[in-house]
């Protein structure tokens, strides 16, 4: 999948979450947490940040708006996480090629 295409689907206010996830991922990688849990942890972080953003910008009055917000959290959080993951994988690949 083309990384530039994915950027079009991210809410512009949530673009800052991508480098935030990179930083969290690098910090967690240096900790005692197993590497296999890092993607799950980063996905949860993305969903939490997107939830906080949406709760601060949308008025939730009924069950319909709650479900719409949950859908937006799942989709935006997943797209932000995927963009961060693909960017990090590309960075590692480029670093390896330059050696």
Protein backbone atom coordinates (compact mmCIF):
# COMPACT_ATOMS: atom_id res chain seq x y z
CA UNK A 1 0.00 0.00 0.00
CA UNK A 2 1.23 3.45 -0.88
CA UNK A 3 2.10 5.53 2.21
CA UNK A 4 1.23 8.83 0.51
CA UNK A 5 -2.27 7.55 -0.19
CA UNK A 6 -2.82 6.71 3.48
CA UNK A 7 -1.98 10.28 4.56
CA UNK A 8 -5.10 11.48 2.71
CA UNK A 9 -7.31 9.51 5.10
CA UNK A 10 -5.88 10.96 8.33
CA UNK A 11 -7.60 13.88 9.98
CA UNK A 12 -5.09 16.76 9.71
CA UNK A 13 -5.26 17.37 13.46
CA UNK A 14 -4.20 13.76 14.10
CA UNK A 15 -1.06 13.79 11.93
CA UNK A 16 1.03 14.65 15.01
CA UNK A 17 0.09 11.28 16.50
CA UNK A 18 2.30 9.46 13.95
CA UNK A 19 5.65 10.78 15.27
CA UNK A 20 4.29 10.46 18.80
CA UNK A 21 3.78 6.74 18.17
CA UNK A 22 7.32 6.47 16.78
CA UNK A 23 8.67 7.97 20.00
CA UNK A 24 6.56 5.73 22.20
CA UNK A 25 7.59 2.70 20.14
CA UNK A 26 11.30 3.53 20.45
CA UNK A 27 10.98 4.06 24.19
CA UNK A 28 9.07 0.82 24.68
CA UNK A 29 11.57 -1.08 22.52
CA UNK A 30 14.30 -0.10 25.02
CA UNK A 31 12.18 -1.32 27.94
CA UNK A 32 11.63 -4.86 29.19
CA UNK A 33 8.40 -5.29 27.21
CA UNK A 34 8.59 -8.03 24.58
CA UNK A 35 8.74 -6.84 20.96
CA UNK A 36 5.64 -8.79 19.98
CA UNK A 37 3.51 -6.60 22.28
CA UNK A 38 4.72 -3.27 20.88
CA UNK A 39 2.29 -3.11 17.90
CA UNK A 40 -0.67 -3.83 20.19
CA UNK A 41 0.47 -1.20 22.67
CA UNK A 42 0.89 1.37 19.91
CA UNK A 43 -2.55 0.57 18.49
CA UNK A 44 -4.09 1.15 21.93
CA UNK A 45 -2.18 4.44 22.26
CA UNK A 46 -3.47 5.57 18.87
CA UNK A 47 -7.05 4.69 19.78
CA UNK A 48 -6.78 6.51 23.12
CA UNK A 49 -5.41 9.70 21.55
CA UNK A 50 -8.03 9.64 18.79
CA UNK A 51 -10.76 9.06 21.39
CA UNK A 52 -9.56 12.05 23.43
CA UNK A 53 -9.45 14.20 20.31
CA UNK A 54 -12.94 13.23 19.19
CA UNK A 55 -14.41 13.64 22.67
CA UNK A 56 -13.02 17.16 22.79
CA UNK A 57 -14.32 18.14 19.35
CA UNK A 58 -17.70 16.35 19.07
CA UNK A 59 -20.87 16.54 21.06
CA UNK A 60 -22.16 13.07 21.95
CA UNK A 61 -25.85 13.20 22.80
CA UNK A 62 -27.38 9.92 21.71
CA UNK A 63 -26.46 6.34 20.89
CA UNK A 64 -26.17 7.13 17.19
CA UNK A 65 -23.43 9.70 17.79
CA UNK A 66 -21.68 7.29 20.21
CA UNK A 67 -21.52 4.62 17.51
CA UNK A 68 -20.35 7.17 14.95
CA UNK A 69 -17.59 8.24 17.31
CA UNK A 70 -16.56 4.63 18.00
CA UNK A 71 -16.37 4.00 14.26
CA UNK A 72 -14.25 7.13 13.79
CA UNK A 73 -11.96 6.05 16.65
CA UNK A 74 -11.48 2.60 15.14
CA UNK A 75 -10.84 3.85 11.62
CA UNK A 76 -8.76 6.94 12.38
CA UNK A 77 -6.79 5.17 15.11
CA UNK A 78 -6.05 2.24 12.83
CA UNK A 79 -5.03 4.44 9.91
CA UNK A 80 -2.76 6.55 12.15
CA UNK A 81 -1.21 3.38 13.60
CA UNK A 82 -0.74 1.86 10.14
CA UNK A 83 0.93 5.04 8.89
CA UNK A 84 3.29 5.08 11.86
CA UNK A 85 4.11 1.40 11.42
CA UNK A 86 4.72 1.70 7.67
CA UNK A 87 6.87 4.78 8.18
CA UNK A 88 8.96 3.05 10.82
CA UNK A 89 9.40 -0.05 8.64
CA UNK A 90 10.50 2.18 5.74
CA UNK A 91 12.95 3.97 8.01
CA UNK A 92 14.48 0.65 9.10
CA UNK A 93 14.66 -0.57 5.49
CA UNK A 94 16.33 2.65 4.31
CA UNK A 95 18.79 2.51 7.19
CA UNK A 96 19.69 -1.08 6.34
CA UNK A 97 20.16 -0.26 2.63
CA UNK A 98 22.52 2.61 3.46
CA UNK A 99 24.89 0.36 5.42
